Amino acid sequence: MKNNNIFILHNFNLRYKNDINNRKTMPKLKVRKAAKKRYKLIAGKRFIRRKAFKGHLLEKKSPKQKKNLAKLVVVSKADTKAIRKMLIC
């Protein structure tokens, strides 16, 4: 009798688990946090970003180079589609 009860509980758990997995709800859309921190949307359709190579090893770079690296840049059209997909917008 004890084994029969375990079998019934086991079947119930499997059935319940399958019901949860087969729901018809939409999945949650999550933003890529790394992309959110790096890109900013401007004018509703373009993104801006910081330039690379400004994080460290700055002693050997000239002041002119460091000044130019500090500026913001508009992301190219080729990369915009991928960024938009990461940010779900």
N, C-alpha and C. Protein backbone atom coordinates (compact mmCIF):
# COMPACT_ATOMS: atom_id res chain seq x y z
N MET A 1 0.83 -1.20 0.00
CA MET A 1 0.00 0.00 0.00
C MET A 1 0.86 1.25 0.00
N LYS A 2 1.95 1.20 0.70
CA LYS A 2 2.83 2.37 0.80
C LYS A 2 3.41 2.74 -0.58
N ASN A 3 3.81 1.75 -1.35
CA ASN A 3 4.38 2.01 -2.68
C ASN A 3 3.34 2.62 -3.61
N ASN A 4 2.10 2.20 -3.50
CA ASN A 4 1.04 2.71 -4.35
C ASN A 4 0.83 4.21 -4.10
N ASN A 5 0.88 4.65 -2.85
CA ASN A 5 0.71 6.07 -2.52
C ASN A 5 1.84 6.90 -3.10
N ILE A 6 3.04 6.39 -3.07
CA ILE A 6 4.18 7.12 -3.64
C ILE A 6 4.00 7.27 -5.14
N PHE A 7 3.52 6.22 -5.79
CA PHE A 7 3.31 6.26 -7.24
C PHE A 7 2.28 7.34 -7.60
N ILE A 8 1.19 7.42 -6.84
CA ILE A 8 0.15 8.42 -7.10
C ILE A 8 0.71 9.83 -6.91
N LEU A 9 1.43 10.05 -5.83
CA LEU A 9 2.03 11.37 -5.60
C LEU A 9 3.01 11.73 -6.70
N HIS A 10 3.78 10.77 -7.14
CA HIS A 10 4.76 11.01 -8.19
C HIS A 10 4.07 11.43 -9.49
N ASN A 11 2.99 10.74 -9.85
CA ASN A 11 2.24 11.10 -11.05
C ASN A 11 1.63 12.49 -10.93
N PHE A 12 1.11 12.81 -9.76
CA PHE A 12 0.52 14.12 -9.54
C PHE A 12 1.57 15.22 -9.73
N ASN A 13 2.76 15.02 -9.18
CA ASN A 13 3.83 16.01 -9.31
C ASN A 13 4.23 16.19 -10.76
N LEU A 14 4.31 15.10 -11.52
CA LEU A 14 4.66 15.21 -12.94
C LEU A 14 3.59 15.97 -13.71
N ARG A 15 2.32 15.65 -13.41
CA ARG A 15 1.23 16.33 -14.10
C ARG A 15 1.24 17.82 -13.78
N TYR A 16 1.43 18.18 -12.53
CA TYR A 16 1.45 19.57 -12.10
C TYR A 16 2.61 20.30 -12.75
N LYS A 17 3.77 19.67 -12.82
CA LYS A 17 4.96 20.28 -13.42
C LYS A 17 4.72 20.56 -14.91
N ASN A 18 4.10 19.61 -15.61
CA ASN A 18 3.82 19.79 -17.03
C ASN A 18 2.83 20.92 -17.26
N ASP A 19 1.83 21.06 -16.38
CA ASP A 19 0.87 22.15 -16.52
C ASP A 19 1.55 23.50 -16.42
N ILE A 20 2.51 23.63 -15.51
CA ILE A 20 3.23 24.90 -15.36
C ILE A 20 4.03 25.20 -16.61
N ASN A 21 4.68 24.20 -17.17
CA ASN A 21 5.53 24.41 -18.35
C ASN A 21 4.73 24.71 -19.61
N ASN A 22 3.47 24.27 -19.68
CA ASN A 22 2.68 24.42 -20.90
C ASN A 22 1.73 25.61 -20.87
N ARG A 23 1.93 26.55 -19.97
CA ARG A 23 1.08 27.73 -19.93
C ARG A 23 1.25 28.55 -21.19
N LYS A 24 0.20 29.27 -21.55
CA LYS A 24 0.21 30.07 -22.78
C LYS A 24 0.52 31.54 -22.52
N THR A 25 1.27 31.84 -21.48
CA THR A 25 1.61 33.23 -21.18
C THR A 25 2.87 33.63 -21.95
N MET A 26 2.99 34.91 -22.18
CA MET A 26 4.17 35.43 -22.87
C MET A 26 5.36 35.41 -21.92
N PRO A 27 6.55 35.10 -22.44
CA PRO A 27 7.73 35.14 -21.58
C PRO A 27 8.11 36.58 -21.26
N LYS A 28 8.77 36.75 -20.15
CA LYS A 28 9.22 38.09 -19.77
C LYS A 28 10.36 38.51 -20.68
N LEU A 29 10.34 39.75 -21.12
CA LEU A 29 11.42 40.29 -21.94
C LEU A 29 12.37 41.04 -21.03
N LYS A 30 13.60 40.61 -21.00
CA LYS A 30 14.57 41.23 -20.10
C LYS A 30 15.60 42.00 -20.90
N VAL A 31 16.00 43.13 -20.37
CA VAL A 31 17.01 43.99 -20.99
C VAL A 31 18.40 43.47 -20.64
N ARG A 32 19.30 43.53 -21.60
CA ARG A 32 20.70 43.18 -21.31
C ARG A 32 21.31 44.32 -20.51
N LYS A 33 21.64 44.06 -19.25
CA LYS A 33 22.11 45.10 -18.35
C LYS A 33 23.42 45.73 -18.83
N ALA A 34 24.29 44.92 -19.42
CA ALA A 34 25.57 45.45 -19.90
C ALA A 34 25.35 46.48 -21.00
N ALA A 35 24.42 46.22 -21.89
CA ALA A 35 24.11 47.16 -22.97
C ALA A 35 23.44 48.42 -22.43
N LYS A 36 22.60 48.23 -21.44
CA LYS A 36 21.89 49.37 -20.84
C LYS A 36 22.88 50.36 -20.22
N LYS A 37 23.96 49.83 -19.64
CA LYS A 37 24.95 50.69 -19.01
C LYS A 37 25.84 51.39 -20.03
N ARG A 38 25.99 50.83 -21.22
CA ARG A 38 26.95 51.35 -22.19
C ARG A 38 26.36 52.28 -23.23
N TYR A 39 25.07 52.13 -23.54
CA TYR A 39 24.47 52.89 -24.63
C TYR A 39 23.32 53.74 -24.14
N LYS A 40 23.13 54.89 -24.80
CA LYS A 40 22.03 55.78 -24.46
C LYS A 40 21.31 56.15 -25.75
N LEU A 41 19.99 56.10 -25.73
CA LEU A 41 19.17 56.40 -26.91
C LEU A 41 19.01 57.91 -27.04
N ILE A 42 19.27 58.43 -28.24
CA ILE A 42 19.07 59.86 -28.49
C ILE A 42 18.16 60.02 -29.71
N ALA A 43 17.31 60.99 -29.69
CA ALA A 43 16.40 61.32 -30.78
C ALA A 43 15.50 60.14 -31.16
N GLY A 44 15.33 59.19 -30.27
CA GLY A 44 14.41 58.09 -30.51
C GLY A 44 14.88 57.01 -31.46
N LYS A 45 16.03 57.21 -32.14
CA LYS A 45 16.45 56.19 -33.10
C LYS A 45 17.96 55.96 -33.17
N ARG A 46 18.75 56.81 -32.54
CA ARG A 46 20.21 56.62 -32.58
C ARG A 46 20.74 56.41 -31.17
N PHE A 47 21.92 55.79 -31.08
CA PHE A 47 22.54 55.53 -29.80
C PHE A 47 23.89 56.22 -29.72
N ILE A 48 24.27 56.63 -28.50
CA ILE A 48 25.61 57.16 -28.29
C ILE A 48 26.35 56.24 -27.32
N ARG A 49 27.67 56.27 -27.41
CA ARG A 49 28.50 55.43 -26.56
C ARG A 49 29.80 56.16 -26.27
N ARG A 50 30.56 55.65 -25.28
CA ARG A 50 31.89 56.18 -24.99
C ARG A 50 32.90 55.50 -25.89
N LYS A 51 34.01 56.15 -26.13
CA LYS A 51 35.09 55.54 -26.90
C LYS A 51 35.88 54.58 -26.02
N ALA A 52 36.54 53.63 -26.67
CA ALA A 52 37.35 52.65 -25.95
C ALA A 52 38.75 53.22 -25.67
N PHE A 53 39.55 52.48 -24.91
CA PHE A 53 40.96 52.79 -24.62
C PHE A 53 41.15 54.00 -23.71
N LYS A 54 40.16 54.33 -22.87
CA LYS A 54 40.29 55.45 -21.94
C LYS A 54 40.29 54.96 -20.50
N GLY A 55 40.31 53.65 -20.28
CA GLY A 55 40.20 53.10 -18.93
C GLY A 55 41.49 53.08 -18.14
N HIS A 56 42.61 52.72 -18.80
CA HIS A 56 43.87 52.61 -18.07
C HIS A 56 45.02 52.79 -19.06
N LEU A 57 46.25 52.72 -18.56
CA LEU A 57 47.47 52.97 -19.36
C LEU A 57 47.42 54.35 -20.03
N LEU A 58 47.10 55.36 -19.22
CA LEU A 58 46.93 56.70 -19.77
C LEU A 58 48.22 57.52 -19.76
N GLU A 59 49.26 57.06 -19.06
CA GLU A 59 50.49 57.84 -18.96
C GLU A 59 51.17 58.00 -20.32
N LYS A 60 51.10 56.97 -21.13
CA LYS A 60 51.79 57.03 -22.42
C LYS A 60 50.97 57.69 -23.52
N LYS A 61 49.73 58.02 -23.24
CA LYS A 61 48.88 58.67 -24.24
C LYS A 61 49.00 60.18 -24.10
N SER A 62 49.00 60.83 -25.23
CA SER A 62 49.14 62.30 -25.22
C SER A 62 47.85 62.95 -24.72
N PRO A 63 47.94 64.18 -24.22
CA PRO A 63 46.73 64.89 -23.78
C PRO A 63 45.69 65.03 -24.89
N LYS A 64 46.15 65.23 -26.11
CA LYS A 64 45.25 65.36 -27.25
C LYS A 64 44.47 64.05 -27.48
N GLN A 65 45.19 62.94 -27.40
CA GLN A 65 44.55 61.65 -27.60
C GLN A 65 43.54 61.36 -26.49
N LYS A 66 43.91 61.68 -25.24
CA LYS A 66 43.00 61.46 -24.12
C LYS A 66 41.75 62.34 -24.23
N LYS A 67 41.93 63.56 -24.70
CA LYS A 67 40.79 64.47 -24.87
C LYS A 67 39.82 63.93 -25.93
N ASN A 68 40.38 63.42 -27.03
CA ASN A 68 39.53 62.86 -28.08
C ASN A 68 38.83 61.57 -27.64
N LEU A 69 39.50 60.79 -26.80
CA LEU A 69 38.89 59.55 -26.31
C LEU A 69 37.77 59.82 -25.31
N ALA A 70 37.76 60.98 -24.71
CA ALA A 70 36.75 61.31 -23.71
C ALA A 70 35.41 61.69 -24.34
N LYS A 71 35.39 61.95 -25.64
CA LYS A 71 34.17 62.37 -26.32
C LYS A 71 33.22 61.21 -26.54
N LEU A 72 31.96 61.53 -26.70
CA LEU A 72 30.94 60.53 -27.02
C LEU A 72 30.83 60.38 -28.54
N VAL A 73 30.43 59.19 -28.98
CA VAL A 73 30.34 58.89 -30.40
C VAL A 73 28.97 58.30 -30.70
N VAL A 74 28.44 58.61 -31.88
CA VAL A 74 27.18 58.00 -32.33
C VAL A 74 27.50 56.61 -32.87
N VAL A 75 26.72 55.63 -32.47
CA VAL A 75 26.94 54.25 -32.90
C VAL A 75 26.61 54.13 -34.38
N SER A 76 27.36 53.30 -35.10
CA SER A 76 27.14 53.12 -36.53
C SER A 76 25.79 52.44 -36.80
N LYS A 77 25.27 52.62 -38.01
CA LYS A 77 23.98 52.04 -38.37
C LYS A 77 24.03 50.52 -38.33
N ALA A 78 25.18 49.94 -38.65
CA ALA A 78 25.32 48.48 -38.66
C ALA A 78 25.12 47.88 -37.28
N ASP A 79 25.54 48.59 -36.24
CA ASP A 79 25.44 48.09 -34.87
C ASP A 79 24.12 48.47 -34.19
N THR A 80 23.42 49.44 -34.73
CA THR A 80 22.21 49.95 -34.09
C THR A 80 21.14 48.87 -33.92
N LYS A 81 20.97 48.03 -34.95
CA LYS A 81 19.93 47.00 -34.90
C LYS A 81 20.20 46.01 -33.75
N ALA A 82 21.46 45.60 -33.59
CA ALA A 82 21.82 44.66 -32.53
C ALA A 82 21.61 45.28 -31.15
N ILE A 83 21.98 46.54 -31.00
CA ILE A 83 21.81 47.23 -29.71
C ILE A 83 20.33 47.39 -29.38
N ARG A 84 19.53 47.74 -30.38
CA ARG A 84 18.10 47.90 -30.18
C ARG A 84 17.48 46.57 -29.71
N LYS A 85 17.96 45.47 -30.26
CA LYS A 85 17.47 44.15 -29.88
C LYS A 85 17.86 43.82 -28.43
N MET A 86 19.07 44.21 -28.03
CA MET A 86 19.51 43.95 -26.65
C MET A 86 18.72 44.76 -25.65
N LEU A 87 18.31 45.97 -26.05
CA LEU A 87 17.60 46.86 -25.14
C LEU A 87 16.08 46.75 -25.28
N ILE A 88 15.61 45.93 -26.22
CA ILE A 88 14.19 45.70 -26.45
C ILE A 88 13.41 47.01 -26.58
N CYS A 89 13.80 47.80 -27.57
CA CYS A 89 13.08 49.06 -27.79
C CYS A 89 12.87 49.32 -29.26
